[in-house]
Amino acid sequence: MNSCWELFAFDLDGTLLDDTHSLPQEVAAWVSELARKTRVTVATGRSLASAQPHVEKLKINTPAILYHGAVVYDFSSGKSLFTKKIPPPLAHQALDLLASWPVSVEAYLGPQDPEVYVWKVDPRVERFSRKERLTLAEAELRELAEEGIAKLLVLAPPERLFALAATLSQQLPQVRVVRSEVDYLELLPPGVDKGEALAWLCRRLKVPLEKVVAVGDQESDLPMIRRAGLGVAMGHAPPQVRQAADLVVEQVVELVTRVPIGD
């Protein structure tokens, strides 16, 4: 096994964060220590506002992948290095389709705007807001599409999201659709995923992908797990994620002994 890993990329929810979406002190201390030895980043579907408190505790030393790869953000400079939005015509088509389904829809404009925009505040988005500690704002989402939407998050029961994902793949195949949690479906700009963003970041850092360790637990993590030199899945990940990984761990801190990096 390669002992000269040059970059570790960690998903947040279900990987570094626990079941309460909190960052355990043991994990934060280990990642901070790891960042003293090599490059460390996060690759998350979370927005800038949602990811920032965790990033600050982790003390990562490398630009982060946010919005499932629609944004690469340098926390040290406070600047976006890469941003991709859903083209307005495509966003309009997606929103028109979503409006006909009994689902809750959230729109994220990107790092420049911390608000989470919704057509209407309902119990599902209220629960989400409390969990993520984000501010909700009611708006006409079709108008926001003209400003550029980084991602759309759809909240609904799992069986409804399966049906919706099938419909989206048939009617709007250009939109990248990912399952980030059992009751979350996310719509991304064409060509966007964590694997593409990781490859972009590696080119910028001049780090070969084969020198990267990528760790995640959901279908949205599959692209980076497959592209990294060492893809790691959490033990609770869906079967297809575990099967794609080179290594499966129950707790992320197991990597202390499973993936040596030297002193």
C-alpha atoms as a PDB file:
ATOM      1  CA  MET A   1       0.000   0.000   0.000  1.00  0.00           C
ATOM      2  CA  ASN A   2       1.251   3.472  -0.925  1.00  0.00           C
ATOM      3  CA  SER A   3       2.690   5.172   2.183  1.00  0.00           C
ATOM      4  CA  CYS A   4       3.229   8.509   0.483  1.00  0.00           C
ATOM      5  CA  TRP A   5      -0.343   9.781   0.281  1.00  0.00           C
ATOM      6  CA  GLU A   6      -0.341  13.450  -0.713  1.00  0.00           C
ATOM      7  CA  LEU A   7      -4.029  14.315  -0.193  1.00  0.00           C
ATOM      8  CA  PHE A   8      -6.887  13.021   1.964  1.00  0.00           C
ATOM      9  CA  ALA A   9     -10.416  14.028   0.900  1.00  0.00           C
ATOM     10  CA  PHE A  10     -13.170  13.359   3.435  1.00  0.00           C
ATOM     11  CA  ASP A  11     -16.918  13.533   3.090  1.00  0.00           C
ATOM     12  CA  LEU A  12     -18.575  15.192   6.093  1.00  0.00           C
ATOM     13  CA  ASP A  13     -22.001  13.713   6.917  1.00  0.00           C
ATOM     14  CA  GLY A  14     -21.782  10.039   7.775  1.00  0.00           C
ATOM     15  CA  THR A  15     -17.988  10.067   7.469  1.00  0.00           C
ATOM     16  CA  LEU A  16     -16.403  12.684   9.719  1.00  0.00           C
ATOM     17  CA  LEU A  17     -19.663  13.702  11.385  1.00  0.00           C
ATOM     18  CA  ASP A  18     -21.625  11.391  13.676  1.00  0.00           C
ATOM     19  CA  ASP A  19     -25.310  10.451  13.623  1.00  0.00           C
ATOM     20  CA  THR A  20     -26.246  13.796  15.194  1.00  0.00           C
ATOM     21  CA  HIS A  21     -24.315  15.652  12.451  1.00  0.00           C
ATOM     22  CA  SER A  22     -21.757  16.754  15.030  1.00  0.00           C
ATOM     23  CA  LEU A  23     -17.980  16.514  14.774  1.00  0.00           C
ATOM     24  CA  PRO A  24     -16.594  14.179  17.480  1.00  0.00           C
ATOM     25  CA  GLN A  25     -13.626  15.645  19.325  1.00  0.00           C
ATOM     26  CA  GLU A  26     -11.547  12.523  18.639  1.00  0.00           C
ATOM     27  CA  VAL A  27     -12.139  12.843  14.891  1.00  0.00           C
ATOM     28  CA  ALA A  28     -11.399  16.578  14.846  1.00  0.00           C
ATOM     29  CA  ALA A  29      -8.131  16.041  16.725  1.00  0.00           C
ATOM     30  CA  TRP A  30      -7.054  13.221  14.404  1.00  0.00           C
ATOM     31  CA  VAL A  31      -7.826  15.160  11.206  1.00  0.00           C
ATOM     32  CA  SER A  32      -6.047  18.243  12.553  1.00  0.00           C
ATOM     33  CA  GLU A  33      -2.991  16.122  13.318  1.00  0.00           C
ATOM     34  CA  LEU A  34      -3.198  14.530   9.872  1.00  0.00           C
ATOM     35  CA  ALA A  35      -3.220  18.012   8.322  1.00  0.00           C
ATOM     36  CA  ARG A  36       0.175  18.639   9.925  1.00  0.00           C
ATOM     37  CA  LYS A  37       1.637  15.744   7.910  1.00  0.00           C
ATOM     38  CA  THR A  38      -0.093  15.972   4.523  1.00  0.00           C
ATOM     39  CA  ARG A  39      -2.802  17.812   2.598  1.00  0.00           C
ATOM     40  CA  VAL A  40      -6.339  17.347   3.923  1.00  0.00           C
ATOM     41  CA  THR A  41      -9.633  18.594   2.550  1.00  0.00           C
ATOM     42  CA  VAL A  42     -13.360  17.933   2.724  1.00  0.00           C
ATOM     43  CA  ALA A  43     -15.611  16.994  -0.183  1.00  0.00           C
ATOM     44  CA  THR A  44     -19.199  17.632   0.816  1.00  0.00           C
ATOM     45  CA  GLY A  45     -22.593  18.420  -0.596  1.00  0.00           C
ATOM     46  CA  ARG A  46     -22.993  21.087   2.058  1.00  0.00           C
ATOM     47  CA  SER A  47     -23.059  24.764   1.236  1.00  0.00           C
ATOM     48  CA  LEU A  48     -20.329  27.152   2.335  1.00  0.00           C
ATOM     49  CA  ALA A  49     -22.365  28.378   5.309  1.00  0.00           C
ATOM     50  CA  SER A  50     -23.139  24.834   6.421  1.00  0.00           C
ATOM     51  CA  ALA A  51     -19.631  23.429   5.970  1.00  0.00           C
ATOM     52  CA  GLN A  52     -17.631  26.339   7.377  1.00  0.00           C
ATOM     53  CA  PRO A  53     -18.057  25.637  11.135  1.00  0.00           C
ATOM     54  CA  HIS A  54     -16.783  22.079  10.652  1.00  0.00           C
ATOM     55  CA  VAL A  55     -13.930  23.132   8.373  1.00  0.00           C
ATOM     56  CA  GLU A  56     -12.744  25.623  10.989  1.00  0.00           C
ATOM     57  CA  LYS A  57     -12.673  22.913  13.676  1.00  0.00           C
ATOM     58  CA  LEU A  58     -10.857  20.485  11.391  1.00  0.00           C
ATOM     59  CA  LYS A  59      -8.143  23.022  10.463  1.00  0.00           C
ATOM     60  CA  ILE A  60      -7.872  21.686   6.928  1.00  0.00           C
ATOM     61  CA  ASN A  61      -5.047  23.085   4.841  1.00  0.00           C
ATOM     62  CA  THR A  62      -6.383  22.639   1.289  1.00  0.00           C
ATOM     63  CA  PRO A  63      -9.287  24.172  -0.706  1.00  0.00           C
ATOM     64  CA  ALA A  64     -12.572  22.359  -0.061  1.00  0.00           C
ATOM     65  CA  ILE A  65     -15.044  20.756  -2.452  1.00  0.00           C
ATOM     66  CA  LEU A  66     -18.555  22.065  -1.703  1.00  0.00           C
ATOM     67  CA  TYR A  67     -22.034  21.641  -3.211  1.00  0.00           C
ATOM     68  CA  HIS A  68     -21.070  18.122  -4.393  1.00  0.00           C
ATOM     69  CA  GLY A  69     -18.363  19.562  -6.616  1.00  0.00           C
ATOM     70  CA  ALA A  70     -20.092  22.639  -8.039  1.00  0.00           C
ATOM     71  CA  VAL A  71     -17.691  24.788  -6.000  1.00  0.00           C
ATOM     72  CA  VAL A  72     -14.063  24.529  -4.912  1.00  0.00           C
ATOM     73  CA  TYR A  73     -13.503  27.061  -2.143  1.00  0.00           C
ATOM     74  CA  ASP A  74     -10.290  28.286  -0.535  1.00  0.00           C
ATOM     75  CA  PHE A  75     -11.110  29.032   3.102  1.00  0.00           C
ATOM     76  CA  SER A  76      -7.673  30.581   3.697  1.00  0.00           C
ATOM     77  CA  SER A  77      -8.318  33.349   1.149  1.00  0.00           C
ATOM     78  CA  GLY A  78     -12.109  33.393   1.366  1.00  0.00           C
ATOM     79  CA  LYS A  79     -12.431  32.950  -2.402  1.00  0.00           C
ATOM     80  CA  SER A  80     -14.035  30.489  -4.798  1.00  0.00           C
ATOM     81  CA  LEU A  81     -11.474  28.890  -7.090  1.00  0.00           C
ATOM     82  CA  PHE A  82     -14.052  27.088  -9.207  1.00  0.00           C
ATOM     83  CA  THR A  83     -17.817  27.550  -9.516  1.00  0.00           C
ATOM     84  CA  LYS A  84     -20.288  25.967 -11.879  1.00  0.00           C
ATOM     85  CA  LYS A  85     -24.015  26.779 -12.027  1.00  0.00           C
ATOM     86  CA  ILE A  86     -27.018  25.068 -13.574  1.00  0.00           C
ATOM     87  CA  PRO A  87     -27.657  26.917 -16.870  1.00  0.00           C
ATOM     88  CA  PRO A  88     -30.824  29.051 -16.456  1.00  0.00           C
ATOM     89  CA  PRO A  89     -32.853  27.299 -19.201  1.00  0.00           C
ATOM     90  CA  LEU A  90     -32.063  23.915 -17.664  1.00  0.00           C
ATOM     91  CA  ALA A  91     -32.840  25.185 -14.165  1.00  0.00           C
ATOM     92  CA  HIS A  92     -36.229  26.432 -15.395  1.00  0.00           C
ATOM     93  CA  GLN A  93     -37.024  23.026 -16.869  1.00  0.00           C
ATOM     94  CA  ALA A  94     -35.996  21.259 -13.665  1.00  0.00           C
ATOM     95  CA  LEU A  95     -38.054  23.595 -11.482  1.00  0.00           C
ATOM     96  CA  ASP A  96     -41.100  23.220 -13.711  1.00  0.00           C
ATOM     97  CA  LEU A  97     -40.841  19.456 -13.366  1.00  0.00           C
ATOM     98  CA  LEU A  98     -40.284  19.577  -9.594  1.00  0.00           C
ATOM     99  CA  ALA A  99     -43.257  21.891  -9.121  1.00  0.00           C
ATOM    100  CA  SER A 100     -45.537  19.089 -10.326  1.00  0.00           C
ATOM    101  CA  TRP A 101     -44.308  16.659  -7.655  1.00  0.00           C
ATOM    102  CA  PRO A 102     -45.284  16.574  -3.930  1.00  0.00           C
ATOM    103  CA  VAL A 103     -41.757  17.364  -2.750  1.00  0.00           C
ATOM    104  CA  SER A 104     -39.939  20.180  -0.964  1.00  0.00           C
ATOM    105  CA  VAL A 105     -37.331  22.035  -3.026  1.00  0.00           C
ATOM    106  CA  GLU A 106     -34.401  24.133  -1.839  1.00  0.00           C
ATOM    107  CA  ALA A 107     -32.218  26.288  -4.079  1.00  0.00           C
ATOM    108  CA  TYR A 108     -28.604  27.245  -3.341  1.00  0.00           C
ATOM    109  CA  LEU A 109     -27.054  30.085  -5.317  1.00  0.00           C
ATOM    110  CA  GLY A 110     -23.477  29.450  -4.207  1.00  0.00           C
ATOM    111  CA  PRO A 111     -20.842  30.806  -1.797  1.00  0.00           C
ATOM    112  CA  GLN A 112     -21.832  34.417  -2.384  1.00  0.00           C
ATOM    113  CA  ASP A 113     -25.281  33.868  -0.820  1.00  0.00           C
ATOM    114  CA  PRO A 114     -25.763  31.910   2.445  1.00  0.00           C
ATOM    115  CA  GLU A 115     -29.575  31.805   2.187  1.00  0.00           C
ATOM    116  CA  VAL A 116     -31.503  28.621   1.424  1.00  0.00           C
ATOM    117  CA  TYR A 117     -34.343  29.578  -0.901  1.00  0.00           C
ATOM    118  CA  VAL A 118     -37.641  27.669  -0.941  1.00  0.00           C
ATOM    119  CA  TRP A 119     -41.005  28.128  -2.566  1.00  0.00           C
ATOM    120  CA  LYS A 120     -42.645  27.652   0.818  1.00  0.00           C
ATOM    121  CA  VAL A 121     -41.414  26.865   4.326  1.00  0.00           C
ATOM    122  CA  ASP A 122     -42.936  23.515   5.270  1.00  0.00           C
ATOM    123  CA  PRO A 123     -42.197  20.972   8.034  1.00  0.00           C
ATOM    124  CA  ARG A 124     -39.597  19.152   5.924  1.00  0.00           C
ATOM    125  CA  VAL A 125     -37.512  22.239   5.212  1.00  0.00           C
ATOM    126  CA  GLU A 126     -37.943  23.454   8.788  1.00  0.00           C
ATOM    127  CA  ARG A 127     -36.435  20.204  10.076  1.00  0.00           C
ATOM    128  CA  PHE A 128     -33.624  20.550   7.566  1.00  0.00           C
ATOM    129  CA  SER A 129     -32.986  24.144   8.621  1.00  0.00           C
ATOM    130  CA  ARG A 130     -32.746  23.189  12.283  1.00  0.00           C
ATOM    131  CA  LYS A 131     -30.364  20.336  11.526  1.00  0.00           C
ATOM    132  CA  GLU A 132     -28.093  22.387   9.277  1.00  0.00           C
ATOM    133  CA  ARG A 133     -28.551  25.675  11.160  1.00  0.00           C
ATOM    134  CA  LEU A 134     -29.241  27.542   7.945  1.00  0.00           C
ATOM    135  CA  THR A 135     -31.562  30.453   7.223  1.00  0.00           C
ATOM    136  CA  LEU A 136     -34.590  29.883   4.986  1.00  0.00           C
ATOM    137  CA  ALA A 137     -36.081  32.468   2.652  1.00  0.00           C
ATOM    138  CA  GLU A 138     -39.239  32.071   0.591  1.00  0.00           C
ATOM    139  CA  ALA A 139     -38.806  33.102  -3.039  1.00  0.00           C
ATOM    140  CA  GLU A 140     -39.914  32.396  -6.593  1.00  0.00           C
ATOM    141  CA  LEU A 141     -37.208  29.922  -7.503  1.00  0.00           C
ATOM    142  CA  ARG A 142     -37.686  30.356 -11.236  1.00  0.00           C
ATOM    143  CA  GLU A 143     -36.592  33.986 -10.907  1.00  0.00           C
ATOM    144  CA  LEU A 144     -33.502  32.924  -8.963  1.00  0.00           C
ATOM    145  CA  ALA A 145     -32.565  30.610 -11.808  1.00  0.00           C
ATOM    146  CA  GLU A 146     -31.529  33.658 -13.815  1.00  0.00           C
ATOM    147  CA  GLU A 147     -28.872  34.457 -11.165  1.00  0.00           C
ATOM    148  CA  GLY A 148     -27.493  30.945 -11.401  1.00  0.00           C
ATOM    149  CA  ILE A 149     -28.229  28.029  -9.076  1.00  0.00           C
ATOM    150  CA  ALA A 150     -25.361  25.875  -7.814  1.00  0.00           C
ATOM    151  CA  LYS A 151     -27.633  23.039  -6.732  1.00  0.00           C
ATOM    152  CA  LEU A 152     -31.227  22.088  -6.009  1.00  0.00           C
ATOM    153  CA  LEU A 153     -31.998  19.902  -3.016  1.00  0.00           C
ATOM    154  CA  VAL A 154     -35.225  17.887  -3.030  1.00  0.00           C
ATOM    155  CA  LEU A 155     -36.663  16.532   0.228  1.00  0.00           C
ATOM    156  CA  ALA A 156     -39.243  13.725   0.186  1.00  0.00           C
ATOM    157  CA  PRO A 157     -39.798  10.127   1.330  1.00  0.00           C
ATOM    158  CA  PRO A 158     -37.298   7.691  -0.233  1.00  0.00           C
ATOM    159  CA  GLU A 159     -39.781   5.856  -2.457  1.00  0.00           C
ATOM    160  CA  ARG A 160     -40.923   9.142  -3.993  1.00  0.00           C
ATOM    161  CA  LEU A 161     -37.346  10.200  -4.642  1.00  0.00           C
ATOM    162  CA  PHE A 162     -36.621   6.928  -6.455  1.00  0.00           C
ATOM    163  CA  ALA A 163     -39.521   7.627  -8.806  1.00  0.00           C
ATOM    164  CA  LEU A 164     -38.486  11.245  -9.253  1.00  0.00           C
ATOM    165  CA  ALA A 165     -34.895  10.284 -10.044  1.00  0.00           C
ATOM    166  CA  ALA A 166     -36.131   7.941 -12.766  1.00  0.00           C
ATOM    167  CA  THR A 167     -38.291  10.694 -14.240  1.00  0.00           C
ATOM    168  CA  LEU A 168     -35.428  13.187 -14.190  1.00  0.00           C
ATOM    169  CA  SER A 169     -33.087  10.753 -15.920  1.00  0.00           C
ATOM    170  CA  GLN A 170     -35.632  10.329 -18.712  1.00  0.00           C
ATOM    171  CA  GLN A 171     -36.755  13.929 -19.150  1.00  0.00           C
ATOM    172  CA  LEU A 172     -33.649  15.911 -18.129  1.00  0.00           C
ATOM    173  CA  PRO A 173     -30.633  13.654 -18.635  1.00  0.00           C
ATOM    174  CA  GLN A 174     -28.284  16.678 -18.743  1.00  0.00           C
ATOM    175  CA  VAL A 175     -28.856  17.373 -15.032  1.00  0.00           C
ATOM    176  CA  ARG A 176     -26.561  15.477 -12.683  1.00  0.00           C
ATOM    177  CA  VAL A 177     -28.743  13.774 -10.050  1.00  0.00           C
ATOM    178  CA  VAL A 178     -27.262  12.315  -6.844  1.00  0.00           C
ATOM    179  CA  ARG A 179     -28.615  10.710  -3.698  1.00  0.00           C
ATOM    180  CA  SER A 180     -26.820  12.255  -0.734  1.00  0.00           C
ATOM    181  CA  GLU A 181     -29.022  10.807   2.025  1.00  0.00           C
ATOM    182  CA  VAL A 182     -31.960   8.435   2.036  1.00  0.00           C
ATOM    183  CA  ASP A 183     -34.464  11.304   1.857  1.00  0.00           C
ATOM    184  CA  TYR A 184     -32.337  13.781  -0.141  1.00  0.00           C
ATOM    185  CA  LEU A 185     -32.093  14.033  -3.920  1.00  0.00           C
ATOM    186  CA  GLU A 186     -29.798  16.704  -5.343  1.00  0.00           C
ATOM    187  CA  LEU A 187     -29.693  18.240  -8.820  1.00  0.00           C
ATOM    188  CA  LEU A 188     -26.316  19.566  -9.954  1.00  0.00           C
ATOM    189  CA  PRO A 189     -24.930  21.343 -13.020  1.00  0.00           C
ATOM    190  CA  PRO A 190     -24.053  19.119 -15.981  1.00  0.00           C
ATOM    191  CA  GLY A 191     -20.747  17.327 -15.521  1.00  0.00           C
ATOM    192  CA  VAL A 192     -20.481  18.103 -11.802  1.00  0.00           C
ATOM    193  CA  ASP A 193     -19.650  15.517  -9.156  1.00  0.00           C
ATOM    194  CA  LYS A 194     -17.126  15.062  -6.377  1.00  0.00           C
ATOM    195  CA  GLY A 195     -14.830  13.022  -8.612  1.00  0.00           C
ATOM    196  CA  GLU A 196     -14.590  15.732 -11.263  1.00  0.00           C
ATOM    197  CA  ALA A 197     -13.972  18.380  -8.601  1.00  0.00           C
ATOM    198  CA  LEU A 198     -11.309  16.221  -6.970  1.00  0.00           C
ATOM    199  CA  ALA A 199      -9.561  15.796 -10.332  1.00  0.00           C
ATOM    200  CA  TRP A 200      -9.716  19.580 -10.901  1.00  0.00           C
ATOM    201  CA  LEU A 201      -8.257  20.234  -7.451  1.00  0.00           C
ATOM    202  CA  CYS A 202      -5.492  17.682  -7.978  1.00  0.00           C
ATOM    203  CA  ARG A 203      -4.490  19.315 -11.260  1.00  0.00           C
ATOM    204  CA  ARG A 204      -4.278  22.666  -9.475  1.00  0.00           C
ATOM    205  CA  LEU A 205      -2.221  21.188  -6.633  1.00  0.00           C
ATOM    206  CA  LYS A 206      -0.146  19.050  -9.004  1.00  0.00           C
ATOM    207  CA  VAL A 207      -1.062  15.969  -6.972  1.00  0.00           C
ATOM    208  CA  PRO A 208      -1.535  12.706  -8.927  1.00  0.00           C
ATOM    209  CA  LEU A 209      -4.928  11.107  -8.300  1.00  0.00           C
ATOM    210  CA  GLU A 210      -3.162   7.858  -7.445  1.00  0.00           C
ATOM    211  CA  LYS A 211      -1.680   9.676  -4.427  1.00  0.00           C
ATOM    212  CA  VAL A 212      -5.151  10.571  -3.074  1.00  0.00           C
ATOM    213  CA  VAL A 213      -7.229   8.886  -0.364  1.00  0.00           C
ATOM    214  CA  ALA A 214     -10.967   9.618  -0.716  1.00  0.00           C
ATOM    215  CA  VAL A 215     -13.375   8.635   2.061  1.00  0.00           C
ATOM    216  CA  GLY A 216     -17.184   8.667   1.908  1.00  0.00           C
ATOM    217  CA  ASP A 217     -20.414   6.850   2.671  1.00  0.00           C
ATOM    218  CA  GLN A 218     -23.068   7.723   0.067  1.00  0.00           C
ATOM    219  CA  GLU A 219     -23.764   7.322  -3.646  1.00  0.00           C
ATOM    220  CA  SER A 220     -22.674  10.931  -4.119  1.00  0.00           C
ATOM    221  CA  ASP A 221     -19.185   9.888  -2.949  1.00  0.00           C
ATOM    222  CA  LEU A 222     -18.795   7.142  -5.558  1.00  0.00           C
ATOM    223  CA  PRO A 223     -17.115   9.329  -8.230  1.00  0.00           C
ATOM    224  CA  MET A 224     -14.289  10.372  -5.923  1.00  0.00           C
ATOM    225  CA  ILE A 225     -13.937   6.927  -4.349  1.00  0.00           C
ATOM    226  CA  ARG A 226     -13.502   5.451  -7.829  1.00  0.00           C
ATOM    227  CA  ARG A 227     -11.017   8.083  -9.024  1.00  0.00           C
ATOM    228  CA  ALA A 228      -8.765   8.191  -5.971  1.00  0.00           C
ATOM    229  CA  GLY A 229      -5.708   6.013  -5.582  1.00  0.00           C
ATOM    230  CA  LEU A 230      -7.324   4.618  -2.434  1.00  0.00           C
ATOM    231  CA  GLY A 231     -11.095   4.740  -2.188  1.00  0.00           C
ATOM    232  CA  VAL A 232     -12.464   4.190   1.303  1.00  0.00           C
ATOM    233  CA  ALA A 233     -16.102   3.500   2.200  1.00  0.00           C
ATOM    234  CA  MET A 234     -17.712   3.606   5.610  1.00  0.00           C
ATOM    235  CA  GLY A 235     -19.169   0.343   6.867  1.00  0.00           C
ATOM    236  CA  HIS A 236     -22.738   1.689   6.818  1.00  0.00           C
ATOM    237  CA  ALA A 237     -22.470   2.815   3.176  1.00  0.00           C
ATOM    238  CA  PRO A 238     -24.838   1.301   0.590  1.00  0.00           C
ATOM    239  CA  PRO A 239     -23.587  -1.964  -0.977  1.00  0.00           C
ATOM    240  CA  GLN A 240     -22.598  -0.348  -4.289  1.00  0.00           C
ATOM    241  CA  VAL A 241     -20.386   2.151  -2.446  1.00  0.00           C
ATOM    242  CA  ARG A 242     -18.670  -0.523  -0.370  1.00  0.00           C
ATOM    243  CA  GLN A 243     -18.151  -2.685  -3.443  1.00  0.00           C
ATOM    244  CA  ALA A 244     -16.471   0.185  -5.315  1.00  0.00           C
ATOM    245  CA  ALA A 245     -14.066   0.939  -2.460  1.00  0.00           C
ATOM    246  CA  ASP A 246     -10.585  -0.447  -1.956  1.00  0.00           C
ATOM    247  CA  LEU A 247     -11.047  -0.398   1.799  1.00  0.00           C
ATOM    248  CA  VAL A 248     -14.042  -0.395   4.169  1.00  0.00           C
ATOM    249  CA  VAL A 249     -13.863   0.953   7.729  1.00  0.00           C
ATOM    250  CA  GLU A 250     -16.429   1.203  10.510  1.00  0.00           C
ATOM    251  CA  GLN A 251     -14.945   4.367  12.013  1.00  0.00           C
ATOM    252  CA  VAL A 252     -12.908   6.926  10.119  1.00  0.00           C
ATOM    253  CA  VAL A 253     -10.187   6.996  12.800  1.00  0.00           C
ATOM    254  CA  GLU A 254      -9.370   3.381  11.874  1.00  0.00           C
ATOM    255  CA  LEU A 255      -7.352   4.932   9.065  1.00  0.00           C
ATOM    256  CA  VAL A 256      -4.703   5.806  11.656  1.00  0.00           C
ATOM    257  CA  THR A 257      -3.481   2.215  11.436  1.00  0.00           C
ATOM    258  CA  ARG A 258      -5.002   1.097   8.113  1.00  0.00           C
ATOM    259  CA  VAL A 259      -3.469   3.880   5.989  1.00  0.00           C
ATOM    260  CA  PRO A 260      -0.002   4.784   7.321  1.00  0.00           C
ATOM    261  CA  ILE A 261       1.504   8.039   6.097  1.00  0.00           C
ATOM    262  CA  GLY A 262       4.728   8.186   8.053  1.00  0.00           C
ATOM    263  CA  ASP A 263       5.908  10.964  10.393  1.00  0.00           C
END
